């Protein structure tokens, strides 16, 4: 199978549970990366706050970001694995929903 030109080089998976207070800063730090060849899969792990809505709003403005929602909280490893199921990048990295990266992290 040949290389898919549209395939991102890197998939960033963000497991998120009740992260409405921090997810915006997390995603903004990703958007400022010097290396632009990435996609971001935010996995809302059954949050009871607006985590999923915030992640979807980012995705409406940036097609590299998209969100999936798990109905029931299962913990960060389960959410990360759900993100892996949807990731399309050649490489994968995790980003915590309450963390941020400096612009040259990638």
Protein backbone atom coordinates (compact mmCIF):
# COMPACT_ATOMS: atom_id res chain seq x y z
CA UNK A 1 0.00 0.00 0.00
CA UNK A 2 1.43 3.41 -0.99
CA UNK A 3 1.69 6.49 1.18
CA UNK A 4 -1.54 8.44 1.42
CA UNK A 5 -0.72 12.10 0.78
CA UNK A 6 -3.72 13.28 2.83
CA UNK A 7 -2.70 11.17 5.82
CA UNK A 8 -1.36 13.35 8.64
CA UNK A 9 2.11 12.67 9.90
CA UNK A 10 1.03 12.75 13.53
CA UNK A 11 -2.14 11.93 15.44
CA UNK A 12 -2.53 13.65 18.78
CA UNK A 13 -4.98 11.87 21.05
CA UNK A 14 -6.49 13.87 23.91
CA UNK A 15 -8.42 11.74 26.43
CA UNK A 16 -10.69 14.18 28.26
CA UNK A 17 -12.99 13.82 31.24
CA UNK A 18 -14.71 16.91 32.66
CA UNK A 19 -12.00 19.10 31.15
CA UNK A 20 -14.13 22.10 30.14
CA UNK A 21 -11.94 24.42 32.22
CA UNK A 22 -8.68 23.37 30.53
CA UNK A 23 -9.38 21.90 27.09
CA UNK A 24 -9.35 25.26 25.27
CA UNK A 25 -5.82 26.08 26.41
CA UNK A 26 -4.73 22.54 25.54
CA UNK A 27 -6.08 22.75 21.99
CA UNK A 28 -4.79 26.28 21.46
CA UNK A 29 -1.29 25.08 22.36
CA UNK A 30 -1.61 22.41 19.72
CA UNK A 31 -2.76 24.91 17.09
CA UNK A 32 0.37 27.02 17.65
CA UNK A 33 2.79 24.20 16.90
CA UNK A 34 5.50 24.99 14.37
CA UNK A 35 4.89 21.60 12.71
CA UNK A 36 1.40 21.83 11.20
CA UNK A 37 1.09 18.24 9.90
CA UNK A 38 -1.09 16.73 12.61
CA UNK A 39 -4.64 15.75 13.44
CA UNK A 40 -6.17 15.80 16.89
CA UNK A 41 -8.71 13.32 18.19
CA UNK A 42 -10.32 14.55 21.39
CA UNK A 43 -12.01 11.66 23.16
CA UNK A 44 -14.64 12.86 25.61
CA UNK A 45 -14.75 10.11 28.19
CA UNK A 46 -18.35 10.49 29.35
CA UNK A 47 -17.96 14.02 30.71
CA UNK A 48 -20.80 15.71 32.54
CA UNK A 49 -19.60 19.21 31.63
CA UNK A 50 -19.18 20.91 28.24
CA UNK A 51 -15.88 19.24 27.27
CA UNK A 52 -17.37 17.67 24.15
CA UNK A 53 -19.06 20.90 23.02
CA UNK A 54 -15.84 22.88 23.37
CA UNK A 55 -13.85 20.27 21.44
CA UNK A 56 -16.47 20.21 18.66
CA UNK A 57 -16.38 24.01 18.45
CA UNK A 58 -12.61 23.87 17.91
CA UNK A 59 -13.20 21.29 15.20
CA UNK A 60 -15.67 23.55 13.43
CA UNK A 61 -12.92 26.15 13.14
CA UNK A 62 -9.99 23.79 12.50
CA UNK A 63 -10.57 20.63 10.43
CA UNK A 64 -7.50 18.99 11.97
CA UNK A 65 -9.39 18.72 15.27
CA UNK A 66 -12.33 16.45 15.81
CA UNK A 67 -14.06 14.89 18.76
CA UNK A 68 -15.66 11.61 19.63
CA UNK A 69 -17.78 10.96 22.68
CA UNK A 70 -17.90 7.89 24.86
CA UNK A 71 -21.21 7.52 26.65
CA UNK A 72 -19.71 6.15 29.87
CA UNK A 73 -16.51 7.11 31.66
CA UNK A 74 -13.98 4.31 31.44
CA UNK A 75 -10.72 6.04 32.29
CA UNK A 76 -7.89 7.56 30.30
CA UNK A 77 -6.46 4.28 28.89
CA UNK A 78 -9.85 3.28 27.47
CA UNK A 79 -10.36 6.75 26.01
CA UNK A 80 -6.87 6.72 24.49
CA UNK A 81 -7.55 3.34 22.87
CA UNK A 82 -10.82 4.68 21.44
CA UNK A 83 -8.80 7.54 19.95
CA UNK A 84 -6.35 5.04 18.45
CA UNK A 85 -9.27 3.39 16.66
CA UNK A 86 -9.92 6.70 14.87
CA UNK A 87 -6.36 7.99 14.44
CA UNK A 88 -5.02 8.19 10.90
CA UNK A 89 -1.52 9.54 11.50
CA UNK A 90 1.71 7.68 10.85
CA UNK A 91 2.78 8.41 14.45
CA UNK A 92 0.69 8.83 17.61
CA UNK A 93 1.22 10.92 20.72
CA UNK A 94 -0.95 11.58 23.77
CA UNK A 95 -1.73 15.02 25.15
CA UNK A 96 -3.46 15.36 28.51
CA UNK A 97 -6.57 17.53 28.49
CA UNK A 98 -5.14 19.69 31.27
CA UNK A 99 -1.70 20.15 29.74
CA UNK A 100 -0.26 22.33 27.00
CA UNK A 101 2.75 22.29 24.69
CA UNK A 102 5.22 25.01 23.83
CA UNK A 103 5.16 25.83 20.11
CA UNK A 104 8.22 23.73 19.27
CA UNK A 105 7.18 20.59 21.16
CA UNK A 106 6.43 18.64 18.00
